[in-house]
N, C-alpha and C. Protein backbone atom coordinates (compact mmCIF):
# COMPACT_ATOMS: atom_id res chain seq x y z
N MET A 1 1.19 -41.55 -19.63
CA MET A 1 -0.23 -41.69 -19.28
C MET A 1 -0.34 -41.82 -17.76
N SER A 2 -1.27 -41.07 -17.17
CA SER A 2 -1.39 -41.09 -15.71
C SER A 2 -2.22 -42.28 -15.25
N THR A 3 -1.88 -42.80 -14.10
CA THR A 3 -2.61 -43.93 -13.52
C THR A 3 -3.68 -43.38 -12.59
N PRO A 4 -4.67 -44.22 -12.19
CA PRO A 4 -5.67 -43.76 -11.23
C PRO A 4 -5.04 -43.27 -9.93
N LYS A 5 -3.92 -43.88 -9.52
CA LYS A 5 -3.24 -43.45 -8.30
C LYS A 5 -2.72 -42.02 -8.46
N ASP A 6 -2.17 -41.72 -9.67
CA ASP A 6 -1.69 -40.37 -9.94
C ASP A 6 -2.83 -39.36 -9.86
N ALA A 7 -4.01 -39.75 -10.36
CA ALA A 7 -5.18 -38.86 -10.34
C ALA A 7 -5.60 -38.58 -8.91
N VAL A 8 -5.57 -39.61 -8.05
CA VAL A 8 -5.93 -39.42 -6.65
C VAL A 8 -4.94 -38.50 -5.97
N CYS A 9 -3.62 -38.68 -6.24
CA CYS A 9 -2.60 -37.81 -5.64
C CYS A 9 -2.78 -36.38 -6.11
N SER A 10 -3.09 -36.21 -7.40
CA SER A 10 -3.30 -34.87 -7.94
C SER A 10 -4.51 -34.21 -7.29
N GLU A 11 -5.59 -34.97 -7.13
CA GLU A 11 -6.80 -34.44 -6.50
C GLU A 11 -6.52 -34.06 -5.04
N ALA A 12 -5.77 -34.91 -4.33
CA ALA A 12 -5.45 -34.63 -2.92
C ALA A 12 -4.60 -33.37 -2.81
N ALA A 13 -3.72 -33.15 -3.78
CA ALA A 13 -2.88 -31.96 -3.74
C ALA A 13 -3.69 -30.70 -4.04
N SER A 14 -4.65 -30.81 -4.96
CA SER A 14 -5.40 -29.62 -5.36
C SER A 14 -6.56 -29.31 -4.40
N ASP A 15 -7.14 -30.33 -3.77
CA ASP A 15 -8.27 -30.10 -2.86
C ASP A 15 -8.24 -31.11 -1.72
N PRO A 16 -7.26 -30.98 -0.82
CA PRO A 16 -7.17 -31.97 0.26
C PRO A 16 -8.40 -31.98 1.15
N TRP A 17 -9.04 -30.80 1.37
CA TRP A 17 -10.23 -30.76 2.21
C TRP A 17 -11.34 -31.61 1.60
N GLY A 18 -11.50 -31.51 0.29
CA GLY A 18 -12.52 -32.31 -0.39
C GLY A 18 -12.25 -33.80 -0.28
N VAL A 19 -10.98 -34.17 -0.37
CA VAL A 19 -10.59 -35.58 -0.24
C VAL A 19 -10.89 -36.07 1.18
N TRP A 20 -10.53 -35.25 2.18
CA TRP A 20 -10.80 -35.65 3.56
C TRP A 20 -12.29 -35.77 3.83
N MET A 21 -13.08 -34.84 3.27
CA MET A 21 -14.54 -34.92 3.47
C MET A 21 -15.10 -36.17 2.81
N ALA A 22 -14.64 -36.49 1.61
CA ALA A 22 -15.12 -37.70 0.93
C ALA A 22 -14.78 -38.94 1.75
N ARG A 23 -13.60 -38.97 2.31
CA ARG A 23 -13.22 -40.10 3.17
C ARG A 23 -14.07 -40.13 4.44
N ALA A 24 -14.31 -38.95 5.00
CA ALA A 24 -15.15 -38.88 6.21
C ALA A 24 -16.56 -39.38 5.92
N GLN A 25 -17.08 -39.07 4.73
CA GLN A 25 -18.42 -39.55 4.37
C GLN A 25 -18.46 -41.07 4.29
N ARG A 26 -17.32 -41.67 4.02
CA ARG A 26 -17.24 -43.14 3.96
C ARG A 26 -16.92 -43.74 5.33
N GLY A 27 -16.85 -42.88 6.38
CA GLY A 27 -16.65 -43.40 7.73
C GLY A 27 -15.26 -43.25 8.30
N ASP A 28 -14.37 -42.56 7.61
CA ASP A 28 -13.00 -42.39 8.09
C ASP A 28 -12.97 -41.26 9.13
N LYS A 29 -12.97 -41.64 10.41
CA LYS A 29 -13.02 -40.65 11.50
C LYS A 29 -11.76 -39.80 11.56
N GLN A 30 -10.61 -40.41 11.27
CA GLN A 30 -9.35 -39.67 11.31
C GLN A 30 -9.34 -38.58 10.24
N ALA A 31 -9.84 -38.90 9.05
CA ALA A 31 -9.90 -37.90 7.97
C ALA A 31 -10.83 -36.75 8.37
N TYR A 32 -11.94 -37.08 9.04
CA TYR A 32 -12.88 -36.05 9.47
C TYR A 32 -12.24 -35.15 10.52
N HIS A 33 -11.54 -35.75 11.47
CA HIS A 33 -10.86 -34.98 12.51
C HIS A 33 -9.80 -34.06 11.88
N THR A 34 -9.04 -34.59 10.92
CA THR A 34 -8.02 -33.80 10.23
C THR A 34 -8.66 -32.65 9.48
N LEU A 35 -9.78 -32.91 8.82
CA LEU A 35 -10.49 -31.87 8.07
C LEU A 35 -10.94 -30.75 9.00
N LEU A 36 -11.57 -31.10 10.12
CA LEU A 36 -12.08 -30.09 11.04
C LEU A 36 -10.94 -29.21 11.58
N GLN A 37 -9.82 -29.82 11.88
CA GLN A 37 -8.67 -29.04 12.35
C GLN A 37 -8.14 -28.13 11.25
N ALA A 38 -8.13 -28.63 10.02
CA ALA A 38 -7.58 -27.86 8.91
C ALA A 38 -8.45 -26.66 8.55
N VAL A 39 -9.77 -26.81 8.63
CA VAL A 39 -10.65 -25.73 8.18
C VAL A 39 -10.88 -24.66 9.25
N GLU A 40 -10.55 -24.96 10.50
CA GLU A 40 -10.85 -24.00 11.57
C GLU A 40 -10.24 -22.62 11.35
N PRO A 41 -8.93 -22.51 11.00
CA PRO A 41 -8.38 -21.16 10.77
C PRO A 41 -9.10 -20.41 9.63
N TYR A 42 -9.48 -21.14 8.59
CA TYR A 42 -10.21 -20.55 7.46
C TYR A 42 -11.57 -20.01 7.94
N LEU A 43 -12.27 -20.80 8.74
CA LEU A 43 -13.57 -20.38 9.26
C LEU A 43 -13.42 -19.19 10.21
N ARG A 44 -12.35 -19.18 11.00
CA ARG A 44 -12.10 -18.05 11.89
C ARG A 44 -11.90 -16.77 11.09
N ALA A 45 -11.19 -16.88 9.98
CA ALA A 45 -10.94 -15.70 9.14
C ALA A 45 -12.25 -15.16 8.57
N ILE A 46 -13.12 -16.06 8.11
CA ILE A 46 -14.42 -15.62 7.58
C ILE A 46 -15.24 -14.96 8.69
N ALA A 47 -15.30 -15.61 9.85
CA ALA A 47 -16.09 -15.07 10.98
C ALA A 47 -15.55 -13.73 11.43
N ARG A 48 -14.23 -13.60 11.50
CA ARG A 48 -13.64 -12.33 11.93
C ARG A 48 -13.93 -11.22 10.93
N ARG A 49 -13.86 -11.55 9.64
CA ARG A 49 -14.13 -10.56 8.60
C ARG A 49 -15.57 -10.09 8.65
N MET A 50 -16.50 -11.01 8.92
CA MET A 50 -17.93 -10.65 8.88
C MET A 50 -18.45 -10.13 10.21
N LEU A 51 -17.90 -10.63 11.33
CA LEU A 51 -18.46 -10.31 12.64
C LEU A 51 -17.56 -9.43 13.49
N GLY A 52 -16.34 -9.20 13.04
CA GLY A 52 -15.38 -8.53 13.90
C GLY A 52 -14.83 -9.56 14.88
N HIS A 53 -14.17 -9.11 15.92
CA HIS A 53 -13.56 -10.07 16.86
C HIS A 53 -14.59 -10.65 17.83
N GLU A 54 -15.76 -10.03 17.87
CA GLU A 54 -16.82 -10.48 18.76
C GLU A 54 -17.48 -11.74 18.18
N ASP A 55 -17.77 -12.71 18.99
CA ASP A 55 -18.53 -13.92 18.62
C ASP A 55 -17.78 -14.87 17.67
N VAL A 56 -16.47 -14.69 17.45
CA VAL A 56 -15.76 -15.55 16.50
C VAL A 56 -15.80 -17.01 16.94
N ASP A 57 -15.50 -17.27 18.21
CA ASP A 57 -15.50 -18.66 18.70
C ASP A 57 -16.87 -19.30 18.55
N ASP A 58 -17.93 -18.56 18.94
CA ASP A 58 -19.28 -19.08 18.80
C ASP A 58 -19.62 -19.34 17.34
N ALA A 59 -19.23 -18.42 16.48
CA ALA A 59 -19.53 -18.57 15.05
C ALA A 59 -18.86 -19.81 14.49
N VAL A 60 -17.59 -20.02 14.81
CA VAL A 60 -16.87 -21.19 14.30
C VAL A 60 -17.54 -22.47 14.79
N GLN A 61 -17.91 -22.50 16.06
CA GLN A 61 -18.59 -23.70 16.59
C GLN A 61 -19.91 -23.95 15.88
N GLU A 62 -20.68 -22.89 15.65
CA GLU A 62 -21.97 -23.05 14.97
C GLU A 62 -21.77 -23.51 13.53
N ILE A 63 -20.77 -22.96 12.85
CA ILE A 63 -20.49 -23.38 11.47
C ILE A 63 -20.12 -24.85 11.44
N LEU A 64 -19.26 -25.26 12.37
CA LEU A 64 -18.85 -26.67 12.40
C LEU A 64 -20.04 -27.59 12.70
N LEU A 65 -20.96 -27.12 13.54
CA LEU A 65 -22.17 -27.92 13.80
C LEU A 65 -23.02 -28.06 12.54
N VAL A 66 -23.15 -26.97 11.79
CA VAL A 66 -23.92 -27.03 10.54
C VAL A 66 -23.23 -27.98 9.56
N VAL A 67 -21.90 -27.84 9.42
CA VAL A 67 -21.15 -28.73 8.52
C VAL A 67 -21.37 -30.18 8.92
N HIS A 68 -21.30 -30.44 10.22
CA HIS A 68 -21.51 -31.82 10.69
C HIS A 68 -22.92 -32.31 10.34
N GLY A 69 -23.89 -31.44 10.52
CA GLY A 69 -25.28 -31.84 10.25
C GLY A 69 -25.59 -32.07 8.79
N ILE A 70 -24.87 -31.38 7.90
CA ILE A 70 -25.20 -31.52 6.47
C ILE A 70 -24.02 -32.07 5.66
N ARG A 71 -23.08 -32.72 6.33
CA ARG A 71 -21.91 -33.22 5.62
C ARG A 71 -22.26 -34.19 4.50
N HIS A 72 -23.41 -34.84 4.64
CA HIS A 72 -23.85 -35.79 3.60
C HIS A 72 -24.19 -35.09 2.28
N THR A 73 -24.38 -33.76 2.31
CA THR A 73 -24.76 -33.05 1.08
C THR A 73 -23.56 -32.69 0.22
N TYR A 74 -22.35 -32.77 0.79
CA TYR A 74 -21.17 -32.47 -0.02
C TYR A 74 -21.02 -33.56 -1.09
N GLN A 75 -20.77 -33.13 -2.32
CA GLN A 75 -20.62 -34.08 -3.43
C GLN A 75 -19.13 -34.25 -3.71
N PRO A 76 -18.57 -35.44 -3.40
CA PRO A 76 -17.14 -35.68 -3.64
C PRO A 76 -16.78 -35.39 -5.09
N GLY A 77 -15.59 -34.81 -5.25
CA GLY A 77 -15.14 -34.45 -6.59
C GLY A 77 -15.42 -32.99 -6.92
N ARG A 78 -16.37 -32.39 -6.22
CA ARG A 78 -16.65 -30.96 -6.42
C ARG A 78 -15.76 -30.17 -5.47
N PRO A 79 -15.45 -28.91 -5.80
CA PRO A 79 -14.59 -28.11 -4.91
C PRO A 79 -15.21 -27.96 -3.52
N PHE A 80 -14.41 -28.22 -2.52
CA PHE A 80 -14.91 -28.20 -1.15
C PHE A 80 -14.99 -26.78 -0.58
N LYS A 81 -13.98 -25.96 -0.88
CA LYS A 81 -13.89 -24.63 -0.27
C LYS A 81 -15.13 -23.77 -0.55
N PRO A 82 -15.64 -23.71 -1.80
CA PRO A 82 -16.86 -22.91 -2.03
C PRO A 82 -18.05 -23.44 -1.24
N TRP A 83 -18.16 -24.77 -1.12
CA TRP A 83 -19.25 -25.38 -0.35
C TRP A 83 -19.16 -24.92 1.10
N LEU A 84 -17.96 -25.00 1.67
CA LEU A 84 -17.75 -24.61 3.05
C LEU A 84 -17.94 -23.10 3.23
N SER A 85 -17.44 -22.33 2.29
CA SER A 85 -17.53 -20.88 2.37
C SER A 85 -18.99 -20.42 2.36
N THR A 86 -19.80 -21.06 1.54
CA THR A 86 -21.23 -20.71 1.49
C THR A 86 -21.89 -20.97 2.84
N ILE A 87 -21.61 -22.11 3.42
CA ILE A 87 -22.17 -22.44 4.73
C ILE A 87 -21.71 -21.43 5.78
N ALA A 88 -20.42 -21.14 5.80
CA ALA A 88 -19.86 -20.22 6.80
C ALA A 88 -20.45 -18.82 6.65
N THR A 89 -20.55 -18.35 5.41
CA THR A 89 -21.08 -17.01 5.17
C THR A 89 -22.53 -16.91 5.61
N ARG A 90 -23.33 -17.91 5.25
CA ARG A 90 -24.75 -17.89 5.65
C ARG A 90 -24.90 -17.92 7.16
N ARG A 91 -24.08 -18.73 7.81
CA ARG A 91 -24.17 -18.81 9.27
C ARG A 91 -23.80 -17.48 9.91
N CYS A 92 -22.77 -16.83 9.38
CA CYS A 92 -22.37 -15.52 9.91
C CYS A 92 -23.46 -14.48 9.67
N VAL A 93 -24.11 -14.55 8.51
CA VAL A 93 -25.22 -13.63 8.24
C VAL A 93 -26.34 -13.88 9.25
N ASP A 94 -26.62 -15.15 9.54
CA ASP A 94 -27.64 -15.48 10.55
C ASP A 94 -27.26 -14.89 11.91
N LEU A 95 -25.98 -15.00 12.27
CA LEU A 95 -25.53 -14.46 13.55
C LEU A 95 -25.62 -12.94 13.58
N LEU A 96 -25.33 -12.29 12.45
CA LEU A 96 -25.48 -10.83 12.38
C LEU A 96 -26.94 -10.43 12.55
N ARG A 97 -27.83 -11.17 11.91
CA ARG A 97 -29.27 -10.88 12.06
C ARG A 97 -29.69 -11.06 13.51
N ARG A 98 -29.22 -12.15 14.13
CA ARG A 98 -29.56 -12.40 15.53
C ARG A 98 -29.04 -11.26 16.41
N ARG A 99 -27.81 -10.83 16.13
CA ARG A 99 -27.22 -9.73 16.90
C ARG A 99 -28.06 -8.46 16.75
N GLN A 100 -28.53 -8.19 15.52
CA GLN A 100 -29.36 -7.00 15.29
C GLN A 100 -30.68 -7.11 16.04
N ARG A 101 -31.29 -8.31 15.98
CA ARG A 101 -32.57 -8.50 16.69
C ARG A 101 -32.38 -8.32 18.19
N GLU A 102 -31.30 -8.93 18.72
CA GLU A 102 -31.04 -8.81 20.15
C GLU A 102 -30.75 -7.36 20.53
N GLY A 103 -30.02 -6.66 19.66
CA GLY A 103 -29.74 -5.25 19.90
C GLY A 103 -31.02 -4.43 19.92
N ALA A 104 -31.93 -4.75 18.98
CA ALA A 104 -33.22 -4.05 18.94
C ALA A 104 -34.02 -4.36 20.19
N ARG A 105 -34.01 -5.63 20.63
CA ARG A 105 -34.75 -6.00 21.84
C ARG A 105 -34.16 -5.31 23.06
N MET A 106 -32.82 -5.26 23.11
CA MET A 106 -32.17 -4.59 24.24
C MET A 106 -32.55 -3.11 24.25
N GLY A 107 -32.57 -2.50 23.07
CA GLY A 107 -32.96 -1.10 22.97
C GLY A 107 -34.38 -0.89 23.44
N GLU A 108 -35.27 -1.80 23.03
CA GLU A 108 -36.67 -1.70 23.46
C GLU A 108 -36.77 -1.88 24.98
N ALA A 109 -36.00 -2.84 25.51
CA ALA A 109 -36.05 -3.10 26.95
C ALA A 109 -35.53 -1.90 27.73
N VAL A 110 -34.44 -1.30 27.23
CA VAL A 110 -33.89 -0.11 27.89
C VAL A 110 -34.90 1.03 27.83
N ASP A 111 -35.52 1.22 26.64
CA ASP A 111 -36.54 2.26 26.51
C ASP A 111 -37.68 2.00 27.48
N ALA A 112 -38.12 0.74 27.56
CA ALA A 112 -39.24 0.40 28.44
C ALA A 112 -38.87 0.68 29.90
N GLU A 113 -37.63 0.32 30.28
CA GLU A 113 -37.20 0.56 31.66
C GLU A 113 -37.07 2.05 31.94
N THR A 114 -36.59 2.78 30.95
CA THR A 114 -36.37 4.22 31.14
C THR A 114 -37.68 4.95 31.35
N PHE A 115 -38.68 4.58 30.55
CA PHE A 115 -39.93 5.34 30.57
C PHE A 115 -41.02 4.71 31.42
N ALA A 116 -40.78 3.51 31.92
CA ALA A 116 -41.82 2.85 32.72
C ALA A 116 -41.68 3.26 34.18
N ASP A 117 -42.77 3.10 34.92
CA ASP A 117 -42.70 3.30 36.37
C ASP A 117 -41.89 2.18 36.97
N ALA A 118 -41.56 2.27 38.20
CA ALA A 118 -40.75 1.24 38.86
C ALA A 118 -41.56 0.00 39.19
N GLY A 119 -42.70 -0.18 38.57
CA GLY A 119 -43.57 -1.32 38.83
C GLY A 119 -43.19 -2.52 37.97
N PRO A 120 -44.17 -3.40 37.71
CA PRO A 120 -43.91 -4.61 36.92
C PRO A 120 -43.58 -4.27 35.46
N GLU A 121 -43.13 -5.31 34.69
CA GLU A 121 -42.79 -5.11 33.28
C GLU A 121 -44.00 -4.60 32.51
N PRO A 122 -43.76 -3.80 31.47
CA PRO A 122 -44.88 -3.32 30.68
C PRO A 122 -45.63 -4.48 30.03
N ALA A 123 -46.93 -4.31 29.86
CA ALA A 123 -47.78 -5.38 29.33
C ALA A 123 -47.34 -5.81 27.94
N ASP A 124 -46.86 -4.87 27.12
CA ASP A 124 -46.48 -5.26 25.76
C ASP A 124 -45.26 -6.17 25.75
N VAL A 125 -44.31 -6.00 26.70
CA VAL A 125 -43.14 -6.87 26.79
C VAL A 125 -43.59 -8.27 27.22
N VAL A 126 -44.46 -8.34 28.20
CA VAL A 126 -44.98 -9.63 28.66
C VAL A 126 -45.73 -10.33 27.52
N ALA A 127 -46.55 -9.57 26.80
CA ALA A 127 -47.30 -10.16 25.68
C ALA A 127 -46.36 -10.70 24.61
N ARG A 128 -45.29 -9.97 24.32
CA ARG A 128 -44.33 -10.41 23.29
C ARG A 128 -43.66 -11.71 23.72
N VAL A 129 -43.25 -11.79 24.98
CA VAL A 129 -42.61 -13.00 25.48
C VAL A 129 -43.58 -14.17 25.42
N GLN A 130 -44.83 -13.94 25.82
CA GLN A 130 -45.84 -15.01 25.77
C GLN A 130 -46.05 -15.47 24.33
N ARG A 131 -46.09 -14.52 23.40
CA ARG A 131 -46.27 -14.86 21.98
C ARG A 131 -45.10 -15.71 21.48
N GLU A 132 -43.87 -15.35 21.86
CA GLU A 132 -42.69 -16.12 21.43
C GLU A 132 -42.74 -17.54 21.99
N VAL A 133 -43.18 -17.67 23.23
CA VAL A 133 -43.29 -19.01 23.84
C VAL A 133 -44.33 -19.84 23.08
N ARG A 134 -45.49 -19.22 22.76
CA ARG A 134 -46.52 -19.94 22.00
C ARG A 134 -46.00 -20.38 20.64
N ILE A 135 -45.26 -19.51 19.97
CA ILE A 135 -44.73 -19.85 18.65
C ILE A 135 -43.74 -21.00 18.76
N ARG A 136 -42.84 -20.94 19.76
CA ARG A 136 -41.87 -22.03 19.94
C ARG A 136 -42.56 -23.36 20.18
N ARG A 137 -43.60 -23.32 21.05
CA ARG A 137 -44.37 -24.56 21.32
C ARG A 137 -45.02 -25.09 20.05
N ALA A 138 -45.60 -24.19 19.26
CA ALA A 138 -46.27 -24.60 18.03
C ALA A 138 -45.26 -25.20 17.05
N VAL A 139 -44.08 -24.60 16.93
CA VAL A 139 -43.05 -25.13 16.02
C VAL A 139 -42.58 -26.49 16.51
N ASP A 140 -42.42 -26.65 17.84
CA ASP A 140 -42.00 -27.94 18.39
C ASP A 140 -43.02 -29.04 18.09
N GLY A 141 -44.29 -28.66 17.91
CA GLY A 141 -45.34 -29.63 17.62
C GLY A 141 -45.39 -30.08 16.17
N LEU A 142 -44.60 -29.46 15.30
CA LEU A 142 -44.60 -29.83 13.88
C LEU A 142 -43.83 -31.14 13.68
N SER A 143 -44.08 -31.78 12.54
CA SER A 143 -43.32 -32.98 12.19
C SER A 143 -41.88 -32.56 11.88
N PRO A 144 -40.92 -33.49 11.95
CA PRO A 144 -39.52 -33.13 11.66
C PRO A 144 -39.34 -32.49 10.28
N GLY A 145 -40.02 -33.02 9.27
CA GLY A 145 -39.91 -32.45 7.92
C GLY A 145 -40.44 -31.03 7.85
N GLN A 146 -41.54 -30.78 8.55
CA GLN A 146 -42.10 -29.43 8.57
C GLN A 146 -41.20 -28.47 9.34
N ARG A 147 -40.62 -28.95 10.46
CA ARG A 147 -39.69 -28.10 11.22
C ARG A 147 -38.49 -27.74 10.37
N ASP A 148 -37.95 -28.73 9.63
CA ASP A 148 -36.82 -28.46 8.74
C ASP A 148 -37.19 -27.40 7.71
N ALA A 149 -38.37 -27.54 7.11
CA ALA A 149 -38.80 -26.59 6.09
C ALA A 149 -38.92 -25.18 6.67
N VAL A 150 -39.51 -25.06 7.85
CA VAL A 150 -39.65 -23.75 8.49
C VAL A 150 -38.27 -23.17 8.79
N HIS A 151 -37.39 -24.01 9.33
CA HIS A 151 -36.05 -23.55 9.69
C HIS A 151 -35.29 -23.06 8.45
N LEU A 152 -35.29 -23.87 7.38
CA LEU A 152 -34.50 -23.54 6.19
C LEU A 152 -35.10 -22.40 5.38
N LEU A 153 -36.42 -22.47 5.12
CA LEU A 153 -37.05 -21.49 4.23
C LEU A 153 -37.41 -20.18 4.91
N HIS A 154 -37.79 -20.25 6.19
CA HIS A 154 -38.30 -19.04 6.84
C HIS A 154 -37.32 -18.43 7.84
N LEU A 155 -36.60 -19.26 8.59
CA LEU A 155 -35.66 -18.71 9.56
C LEU A 155 -34.31 -18.39 8.92
N GLN A 156 -33.80 -19.31 8.09
CA GLN A 156 -32.54 -19.04 7.40
C GLN A 156 -32.77 -18.26 6.10
N GLU A 157 -34.04 -18.16 5.68
CA GLU A 157 -34.44 -17.41 4.49
C GLU A 157 -33.72 -17.90 3.23
N LEU A 158 -33.61 -19.24 3.09
CA LEU A 158 -33.01 -19.82 1.90
C LEU A 158 -34.08 -20.00 0.83
N SER A 159 -33.68 -20.00 -0.43
CA SER A 159 -34.61 -20.34 -1.49
C SER A 159 -34.84 -21.85 -1.43
N PRO A 160 -35.93 -22.36 -2.03
CA PRO A 160 -36.14 -23.81 -2.02
C PRO A 160 -34.97 -24.59 -2.61
N ARG A 161 -34.34 -24.05 -3.66
CA ARG A 161 -33.19 -24.73 -4.27
C ARG A 161 -32.00 -24.78 -3.30
N GLU A 162 -31.74 -23.66 -2.63
CA GLU A 162 -30.64 -23.63 -1.66
C GLU A 162 -30.94 -24.56 -0.50
N ALA A 163 -32.19 -24.54 -0.04
CA ALA A 163 -32.58 -25.38 1.10
C ALA A 163 -32.48 -26.86 0.76
N GLU A 164 -32.76 -27.19 -0.50
CA GLU A 164 -32.68 -28.58 -0.94
C GLU A 164 -31.26 -29.12 -0.73
N HIS A 165 -30.26 -28.29 -0.97
CA HIS A 165 -28.87 -28.73 -0.82
C HIS A 165 -28.47 -28.88 0.64
N GLN A 166 -29.16 -28.18 1.54
CA GLN A 166 -28.81 -28.27 2.96
C GLN A 166 -29.68 -29.25 3.71
N GLY A 167 -30.86 -29.52 3.19
CA GLY A 167 -31.79 -30.40 3.90
C GLY A 167 -31.79 -31.80 3.32
N ARG A 168 -32.78 -32.55 3.74
CA ARG A 168 -32.90 -33.94 3.27
C ARG A 168 -34.11 -34.11 2.38
N GLN A 169 -34.70 -32.98 1.94
CA GLN A 169 -35.90 -33.04 1.12
C GLN A 169 -35.67 -32.28 -0.18
N SER A 170 -36.42 -32.67 -1.21
CA SER A 170 -36.34 -31.95 -2.48
C SER A 170 -36.98 -30.58 -2.32
N ALA A 171 -36.71 -29.69 -3.29
CA ALA A 171 -37.29 -28.34 -3.25
C ALA A 171 -38.81 -28.42 -3.20
N GLY A 172 -39.40 -29.31 -4.00
CA GLY A 172 -40.86 -29.46 -4.02
C GLY A 172 -41.40 -29.94 -2.68
N ALA A 173 -40.72 -30.93 -2.10
CA ALA A 173 -41.15 -31.45 -0.80
C ALA A 173 -41.03 -30.38 0.29
N LEU A 174 -39.97 -29.56 0.20
CA LEU A 174 -39.81 -28.47 1.17
C LEU A 174 -40.94 -27.46 1.07
N LYS A 175 -41.34 -27.14 -0.18
CA LYS A 175 -42.44 -26.18 -0.37
C LYS A 175 -43.73 -26.72 0.24
N VAL A 176 -44.01 -28.00 -0.03
CA VAL A 176 -45.23 -28.62 0.50
C VAL A 176 -45.17 -28.66 2.03
N ALA A 177 -44.03 -29.08 2.57
CA ALA A 177 -43.88 -29.15 4.03
C ALA A 177 -44.02 -27.76 4.65
N SER A 178 -43.47 -26.75 3.99
CA SER A 178 -43.56 -25.38 4.50
C SER A 178 -45.01 -24.92 4.51
N HIS A 179 -45.72 -25.18 3.42
CA HIS A 179 -47.13 -24.77 3.32
C HIS A 179 -47.95 -25.44 4.43
N ARG A 180 -47.74 -26.75 4.61
CA ARG A 180 -48.47 -27.48 5.65
C ARG A 180 -48.08 -27.00 7.05
N ALA A 181 -46.79 -26.69 7.22
CA ALA A 181 -46.32 -26.21 8.52
C ALA A 181 -46.97 -24.88 8.87
N LEU A 182 -47.04 -23.97 7.90
CA LEU A 182 -47.64 -22.66 8.17
C LEU A 182 -49.12 -22.79 8.50
N LYS A 183 -49.82 -23.70 7.79
CA LYS A 183 -51.23 -23.94 8.11
C LYS A 183 -51.37 -24.49 9.52
N ALA A 184 -50.51 -25.45 9.87
CA ALA A 184 -50.57 -26.05 11.21
C ALA A 184 -50.25 -25.01 12.28
N LEU A 185 -49.27 -24.15 12.01
CA LEU A 185 -48.93 -23.10 12.97
C LEU A 185 -50.09 -22.13 13.15
N ARG A 186 -50.73 -21.73 12.04
CA ARG A 186 -51.89 -20.83 12.15
C ARG A 186 -52.97 -21.45 13.01
N ARG A 187 -53.26 -22.75 12.74
CA ARG A 187 -54.30 -23.44 13.52
C ARG A 187 -53.92 -23.50 15.00
N ALA A 188 -52.67 -23.89 15.27
CA ALA A 188 -52.23 -24.02 16.67
C ALA A 188 -52.28 -22.68 17.39
N LEU A 189 -51.80 -21.65 16.74
CA LEU A 189 -51.77 -20.33 17.39
C LEU A 189 -53.18 -19.76 17.53
N GLN A 190 -54.01 -20.00 16.53
CA GLN A 190 -55.41 -19.54 16.62
C GLN A 190 -56.13 -20.28 17.74
N GLY A 191 -55.87 -21.59 17.87
CA GLY A 191 -56.49 -22.38 18.94
C GLY A 191 -56.09 -21.89 20.31
N GLU A 192 -54.81 -21.55 20.48
CA GLU A 192 -54.35 -21.01 21.78
C GLU A 192 -54.97 -19.66 22.07
N GLN A 193 -55.14 -18.85 21.01
CA GLN A 193 -55.72 -17.53 21.20
C GLN A 193 -57.18 -17.69 21.62
N ASP A 194 -57.89 -18.66 20.98
CA ASP A 194 -59.30 -18.89 21.33
C ASP A 194 -59.42 -19.37 22.77
N ASP A 195 -58.46 -20.25 23.19
CA ASP A 195 -58.50 -20.75 24.57
C ASP A 195 -58.27 -19.63 25.58
N ALA A 196 -57.44 -18.67 25.18
CA ALA A 196 -57.10 -17.58 26.11
C ALA A 196 -58.25 -16.61 26.29
N THR A 197 -59.17 -16.54 25.30
CA THR A 197 -60.28 -15.57 25.39
C THR A 197 -61.50 -16.18 26.05
């Protein structure tokens, strides 16, 4: 008959990362440091597979920041690697989307420079930048819960159930916060537009 100590040894052998994370959640800084060092090569492999050799260091750092921010959501006793893999994959997808958006913006900027006179920036580029600044200001004015909901549901494009596991709110609370955030953003952006006219 196995003792509780045998069960702990068996669990540590089968999922050491999960054991280290559980210890880290209880405040063991050494276990957390060991975990972060152990998972880095795994995260590099995921980032390299999804992003190529470009942006691997940035991707690993961003994944580790996300893990640090949501480490409380890991449930001890559950397999750690799938939890980590999901976070890493989503972050890499976000980075790919950002890369595509930046590539599209660069293409637009090159097109604008190619076809524009040697004068000031085209009005549509200036208008786009001003709009982005207004949106950022409006998002910064939201409550923390509403900002989280916008970030998880709209920027990361997670479902409410997925967002619930990464955030600090239930799926229902996230939906309500998102709805209120969008209303507040509409009001704020409409108010700025009215002031500008």
